[in-house]
Amino acid sequence: MLDAVTYIYEQAAYSNISSAEKFAPLLTATGLQPPKVTALTTSWVEGRELFLTKLRDQTLGTPLVLDDVQWRLQMTLGSATLSKTKQMNGWYTAPLHHHHHHSPDLI
């Protein structure tokens, strides 16, 4: 139930629905019963600004930022038992994180 309400409010935030007059008809069109529409609409209108602030703090919709790149290359061109061995192994990692507005920009 909580996930469903969160999803409804996230969609309302994404669609920039700010009034009960816009929100209630959309909820009614989904088949919700009038008491539930009234409860969701009232709580949305009263808590919209706080909800939007929390979404902004969670960096809703921002892309991931490359944090670092690490790599290693290992080559084997021969050994005592296999004189003409050619083997190459490599790996890299590229950890990502969400860029927060309050963190300093890295150059």
N, C-alpha and C. Protein backbone atom coordinates (compact mmCIF):
# COMPACT_ATOMS: atom_id res chain seq x y z
N MET A 1 0.82 -1.19 0.00
CA MET A 1 0.00 0.00 0.00
C MET A 1 0.87 1.26 0.00
N LEU A 2 1.89 1.25 0.85
CA LEU A 2 2.77 2.40 0.94
C LEU A 2 3.51 2.64 -0.38
N ASP A 3 3.94 1.56 -1.03
CA ASP A 3 4.61 1.70 -2.33
C ASP A 3 3.67 2.29 -3.37
N ALA A 4 2.42 1.89 -3.34
CA ALA A 4 1.45 2.41 -4.30
C ALA A 4 1.22 3.91 -4.10
N VAL A 5 1.08 4.34 -2.85
CA VAL A 5 0.88 5.76 -2.57
C VAL A 5 2.11 6.56 -2.95
N THR A 6 3.29 6.03 -2.65
CA THR A 6 4.53 6.70 -3.02
C THR A 6 4.62 6.85 -4.53
N TYR A 7 4.26 5.80 -5.25
CA TYR A 7 4.29 5.86 -6.72
C TYR A 7 3.32 6.94 -7.24
N ILE A 8 2.13 6.99 -6.67
CA ILE A 8 1.13 7.99 -7.08
C ILE A 8 1.67 9.39 -6.85
N TYR A 9 2.27 9.63 -5.69
CA TYR A 9 2.80 10.96 -5.38
C TYR A 9 4.01 11.30 -6.24
N GLU A 10 4.85 10.32 -6.53
CA GLU A 10 6.00 10.58 -7.41
C GLU A 10 5.52 10.96 -8.82
N GLN A 11 4.48 10.29 -9.30
CA GLN A 11 3.95 10.62 -10.62
C GLN A 11 3.30 12.01 -10.61
N ALA A 12 2.65 12.35 -9.52
CA ALA A 12 2.06 13.68 -9.40
C ALA A 12 3.15 14.75 -9.38
N ALA A 13 4.24 14.47 -8.70
CA ALA A 13 5.36 15.41 -8.67
C ALA A 13 5.99 15.54 -10.05
N TYR A 14 6.18 14.43 -10.73
CA TYR A 14 6.78 14.45 -12.07
C TYR A 14 5.89 15.21 -13.05
N SER A 15 4.58 15.08 -12.89
CA SER A 15 3.63 15.75 -13.78
C SER A 15 3.33 17.18 -13.35
N ASN A 16 3.92 17.60 -12.24
CA ASN A 16 3.76 18.96 -11.71
C ASN A 16 2.29 19.29 -11.42
N ILE A 17 1.60 18.35 -10.79
CA ILE A 17 0.21 18.56 -10.39
C ILE A 17 0.21 19.26 -9.05
N SER A 18 -0.35 20.47 -9.04
CA SER A 18 -0.25 21.28 -7.82
C SER A 18 -1.59 21.50 -7.12
N SER A 19 -2.70 21.16 -7.76
CA SER A 19 -3.99 21.47 -7.14
C SER A 19 -4.87 20.24 -7.05
N ALA A 20 -5.81 20.30 -6.12
CA ALA A 20 -6.77 19.21 -5.96
C ALA A 20 -7.67 19.09 -7.19
N GLU A 21 -7.93 20.21 -7.85
CA GLU A 21 -8.80 20.21 -9.03
C GLU A 21 -8.19 19.41 -10.19
N LYS A 22 -6.87 19.36 -10.25
CA LYS A 22 -6.20 18.57 -11.29
C LYS A 22 -5.97 17.13 -10.85
N PHE A 23 -5.69 16.94 -9.56
CA PHE A 23 -5.32 15.63 -9.04
C PHE A 23 -6.51 14.68 -8.89
N ALA A 24 -7.61 15.18 -8.34
CA ALA A 24 -8.78 14.33 -8.06
C ALA A 24 -9.34 13.65 -9.31
N PRO A 25 -9.54 14.35 -10.44
CA PRO A 25 -10.07 13.66 -11.62
C PRO A 25 -9.15 12.55 -12.14
N LEU A 26 -7.86 12.75 -12.01
CA LEU A 26 -6.93 11.71 -12.46
C LEU A 26 -7.04 10.46 -11.59
N LEU A 27 -7.17 10.65 -10.28
CA LEU A 27 -7.34 9.51 -9.38
C LEU A 27 -8.67 8.82 -9.61
N THR A 28 -9.72 9.59 -9.84
CA THR A 28 -11.04 9.02 -10.08
C THR A 28 -11.03 8.19 -11.37
N ALA A 29 -10.30 8.66 -12.37
CA ALA A 29 -10.23 7.95 -13.66
C ALA A 29 -9.55 6.59 -13.53
N THR A 30 -8.75 6.40 -12.49
CA THR A 30 -8.09 5.11 -12.29
C THR A 30 -9.00 4.09 -11.62
N GLY A 31 -10.17 4.55 -11.16
CA GLY A 31 -11.11 3.64 -10.53
C GLY A 31 -11.08 3.64 -9.03
N LEU A 32 -10.35 4.56 -8.43
CA LEU A 32 -10.34 4.64 -6.96
C LEU A 32 -11.69 5.13 -6.46
N GLN A 33 -12.06 4.64 -5.30
CA GLN A 33 -13.33 5.04 -4.68
C GLN A 33 -13.20 6.46 -4.14
N PRO A 34 -14.32 7.21 -4.11
CA PRO A 34 -14.28 8.62 -3.68
C PRO A 34 -13.61 8.89 -2.34
N PRO A 35 -13.81 8.07 -1.29
CA PRO A 35 -13.13 8.37 -0.03
C PRO A 35 -11.60 8.30 -0.16
N LYS A 36 -11.12 7.36 -0.97
CA LYS A 36 -9.67 7.24 -1.17
C LYS A 36 -9.14 8.40 -2.00
N VAL A 37 -9.92 8.82 -2.98
CA VAL A 37 -9.53 9.98 -3.80
C VAL A 37 -9.42 11.22 -2.92
N THR A 38 -10.40 11.40 -2.04
CA THR A 38 -10.39 12.56 -1.14
C THR A 38 -9.18 12.51 -0.21
N ALA A 39 -8.90 11.35 0.35
CA ALA A 39 -7.77 11.22 1.28
C ALA A 39 -6.44 11.49 0.56
N LEU A 40 -6.26 10.91 -0.62
CA LEU A 40 -5.01 11.12 -1.36
C LEU A 40 -4.86 12.57 -1.82
N THR A 41 -5.96 13.15 -2.28
CA THR A 41 -5.92 14.54 -2.75
C THR A 41 -5.61 15.50 -1.60
N THR A 42 -6.26 15.31 -0.48
CA THR A 42 -6.03 16.18 0.68
C THR A 42 -4.60 16.08 1.16
N SER A 43 -4.11 14.86 1.30
CA SER A 43 -2.73 14.69 1.79
C SER A 43 -1.72 15.20 0.78
N TRP A 44 -2.02 15.11 -0.53
CA TRP A 44 -1.11 15.64 -1.55
C TRP A 44 -1.03 17.17 -1.48
N VAL A 45 -2.19 17.80 -1.38
CA VAL A 45 -2.21 19.27 -1.33
C VAL A 45 -1.50 19.78 -0.08
N GLU A 46 -1.72 19.11 1.05
CA GLU A 46 -1.11 19.55 2.30
C GLU A 46 0.39 19.23 2.38
N GLY A 47 0.81 18.12 1.81
CA GLY A 47 2.20 17.70 1.95
C GLY A 47 3.05 17.82 0.70
N ARG A 48 2.51 18.44 -0.34
CA ARG A 48 3.20 18.52 -1.63
C ARG A 48 4.58 19.16 -1.53
N GLU A 49 4.66 20.32 -0.91
CA GLU A 49 5.94 21.04 -0.84
C GLU A 49 7.00 20.25 -0.09
N LEU A 50 6.63 19.64 1.02
CA LEU A 50 7.57 18.82 1.78
C LEU A 50 8.02 17.61 0.96
N PHE A 51 7.08 16.98 0.27
CA PHE A 51 7.41 15.82 -0.57
C PHE A 51 8.36 16.22 -1.69
N LEU A 52 8.09 17.34 -2.34
CA LEU A 52 8.96 17.81 -3.43
C LEU A 52 10.36 18.13 -2.90
N THR A 53 10.44 18.70 -1.72
CA THR A 53 11.75 19.00 -1.12
C THR A 53 12.52 17.72 -0.87
N LYS A 54 11.85 16.70 -0.35
CA LYS A 54 12.52 15.43 -0.10
C LYS A 54 12.97 14.77 -1.40
N LEU A 55 12.16 14.87 -2.44
CA LEU A 55 12.56 14.32 -3.73
C LEU A 55 13.78 15.05 -4.29
N ARG A 56 13.80 16.36 -4.14
CA ARG A 56 14.97 17.14 -4.61
C ARG A 56 16.23 16.73 -3.85
N ASP A 57 16.09 16.49 -2.55
CA ASP A 57 17.24 16.08 -1.75
C ASP A 57 17.75 14.70 -2.14
N GLN A 58 16.87 13.87 -2.68
CA GLN A 58 17.26 12.53 -3.12
C GLN A 58 17.77 12.55 -4.56
N THR A 59 17.91 13.70 -5.14
CA THR A 59 18.40 13.90 -6.51
C THR A 59 17.58 13.10 -7.52
N LEU A 60 16.29 13.31 -7.49
CA LEU A 60 15.37 12.64 -8.40
C LEU A 60 15.72 12.98 -9.84
N GLY A 61 15.97 11.97 -10.62
CA GLY A 61 16.18 12.16 -12.04
C GLY A 61 17.57 12.61 -12.45
N THR A 62 18.50 12.68 -11.52
CA THR A 62 19.83 13.10 -11.92
C THR A 62 20.64 11.90 -12.39
N PRO A 63 21.53 12.12 -13.32
CA PRO A 63 22.33 11.01 -13.81
C PRO A 63 23.41 10.61 -12.82
N LEU A 64 23.92 9.42 -13.00
CA LEU A 64 25.04 8.97 -12.20
C LEU A 64 26.31 9.64 -12.72
N VAL A 65 27.24 9.89 -11.82
CA VAL A 65 28.49 10.57 -12.17
C VAL A 65 29.64 9.59 -11.95
N LEU A 66 30.57 9.59 -12.88
CA LEU A 66 31.75 8.74 -12.76
C LEU A 66 32.59 9.19 -11.58
N ASP A 67 32.86 8.28 -10.68
CA ASP A 67 33.60 8.60 -9.47
C ASP A 67 35.10 8.37 -9.65
N ASP A 68 35.47 7.31 -10.33
CA ASP A 68 36.88 6.95 -10.45
C ASP A 68 37.01 5.91 -11.56
N VAL A 69 38.20 5.73 -12.07
CA VAL A 69 38.49 4.66 -13.02
C VAL A 69 39.72 3.93 -12.53
N GLN A 70 39.63 2.63 -12.45
CA GLN A 70 40.76 1.81 -12.04
C GLN A 70 40.95 0.73 -13.09
N TRP A 71 42.18 0.45 -13.44
CA TRP A 71 42.44 -0.56 -14.44
C TRP A 71 43.74 -1.30 -14.15
N ARG A 72 43.88 -2.48 -14.74
CA ARG A 72 45.10 -3.25 -14.62
C ARG A 72 45.23 -4.13 -15.86
N LEU A 73 46.42 -4.24 -16.39
CA LEU A 73 46.70 -5.06 -17.55
C LEU A 73 47.82 -6.03 -17.19
N GLN A 74 47.62 -7.29 -17.51
CA GLN A 74 48.62 -8.31 -17.22
C GLN A 74 48.88 -9.07 -18.52
N MET A 75 50.15 -9.14 -18.91
CA MET A 75 50.53 -9.84 -20.14
C MET A 75 51.53 -10.94 -19.81
N THR A 76 51.30 -12.09 -20.38
CA THR A 76 52.24 -13.19 -20.28
C THR A 76 52.72 -13.50 -21.69
N LEU A 77 54.01 -13.29 -21.95
CA LEU A 77 54.55 -13.51 -23.29
C LEU A 77 55.32 -14.81 -23.39
N GLY A 78 55.60 -15.45 -22.31
CA GLY A 78 56.30 -16.73 -22.33
C GLY A 78 56.58 -17.19 -20.93
N SER A 79 56.89 -18.45 -20.80
CA SER A 79 57.26 -19.01 -19.50
C SER A 79 58.26 -20.14 -19.75
N ALA A 80 58.79 -20.72 -18.71
CA ALA A 80 59.79 -21.78 -18.85
C ALA A 80 59.22 -22.99 -19.55
N THR A 81 57.93 -23.28 -19.35
CA THR A 81 57.34 -24.48 -19.94
C THR A 81 56.64 -24.19 -21.26
N LEU A 82 56.16 -22.97 -21.45
CA LEU A 82 55.46 -22.61 -22.69
C LEU A 82 56.16 -21.40 -23.29
N SER A 83 57.08 -21.61 -24.18
CA SER A 83 57.94 -20.54 -24.65
C SER A 83 57.23 -19.52 -25.55
N LYS A 84 56.19 -19.91 -26.24
CA LYS A 84 55.53 -18.96 -27.14
C LYS A 84 54.11 -18.64 -26.68
N THR A 85 53.91 -18.58 -25.41
CA THR A 85 52.59 -18.24 -24.87
C THR A 85 52.35 -16.75 -25.00
N LYS A 86 51.19 -16.40 -25.49
CA LYS A 86 50.78 -15.00 -25.55
C LYS A 86 49.40 -14.92 -24.91
N GLN A 87 49.37 -14.37 -23.73
CA GLN A 87 48.12 -14.28 -23.01
C GLN A 87 48.02 -12.89 -22.38
N MET A 88 46.86 -12.27 -22.55
CA MET A 88 46.65 -10.93 -22.00
C MET A 88 45.36 -10.94 -21.18
N ASN A 89 45.43 -10.40 -20.00
CA ASN A 89 44.28 -10.25 -19.13
C ASN A 89 44.19 -8.79 -18.71
N GLY A 90 43.00 -8.28 -18.67
CA GLY A 90 42.82 -6.91 -18.23
C GLY A 90 41.47 -6.76 -17.55
N TRP A 91 41.39 -5.78 -16.69
CA TRP A 91 40.12 -5.46 -16.06
C TRP A 91 40.10 -3.98 -15.73
N TYR A 92 38.93 -3.46 -15.62
CA TYR A 92 38.77 -2.08 -15.17
C TYR A 92 37.47 -1.96 -14.40
N THR A 93 37.43 -1.00 -13.52
CA THR A 93 36.21 -0.69 -12.79
C THR A 93 35.93 0.80 -12.96
N ALA A 94 34.68 1.12 -12.98
CA ALA A 94 34.26 2.52 -13.10
C ALA A 94 33.10 2.76 -12.14
N PRO A 95 33.38 2.98 -10.85
CA PRO A 95 32.31 3.19 -9.88
C PRO A 95 31.56 4.50 -10.14
N LEU A 96 30.24 4.44 -9.99
CA LEU A 96 29.37 5.60 -10.21
C LEU A 96 28.69 5.99 -8.90
N HIS A 97 28.30 7.25 -8.81
CA HIS A 97 27.53 7.72 -7.66
C HIS A 97 26.59 8.82 -8.12
N HIS A 98 25.61 9.14 -7.29
CA HIS A 98 24.70 10.24 -7.58
C HIS A 98 25.37 11.55 -7.20
N HIS A 99 25.32 12.50 -8.09
CA HIS A 99 25.91 13.81 -7.82
C HIS A 99 24.92 14.61 -6.99
N HIS A 100 25.35 15.07 -5.83
CA HIS A 100 24.49 15.87 -4.96
C HIS A 100 24.76 17.34 -5.19
N HIS A 101 23.73 18.14 -5.18
CA HIS A 101 23.86 19.56 -5.45
C HIS A 101 24.74 20.27 -4.44
N HIS A 102 24.79 19.76 -3.22
CA HIS A 102 25.55 20.46 -2.19
C HIS A 102 27.01 20.04 -2.16
N SER A 103 27.43 19.06 -2.95
CA SER A 103 28.83 18.67 -2.95
C SER A 103 29.63 19.53 -3.92
N PRO A 104 30.90 19.74 -3.65
CA PRO A 104 31.70 20.58 -4.53
C PRO A 104 31.96 19.89 -5.86
N ASP A 105 32.07 20.68 -6.92
CA ASP A 105 32.38 20.13 -8.23
C ASP A 105 33.85 19.75 -8.28
N LEU A 106 34.12 18.63 -8.90
CA LEU A 106 35.49 18.20 -9.06
C LEU A 106 35.98 18.55 -10.45
N ILE A 107 37.19 19.03 -10.55
CA ILE A 107 37.75 19.40 -11.84
C ILE A 107 38.87 18.45 -12.17
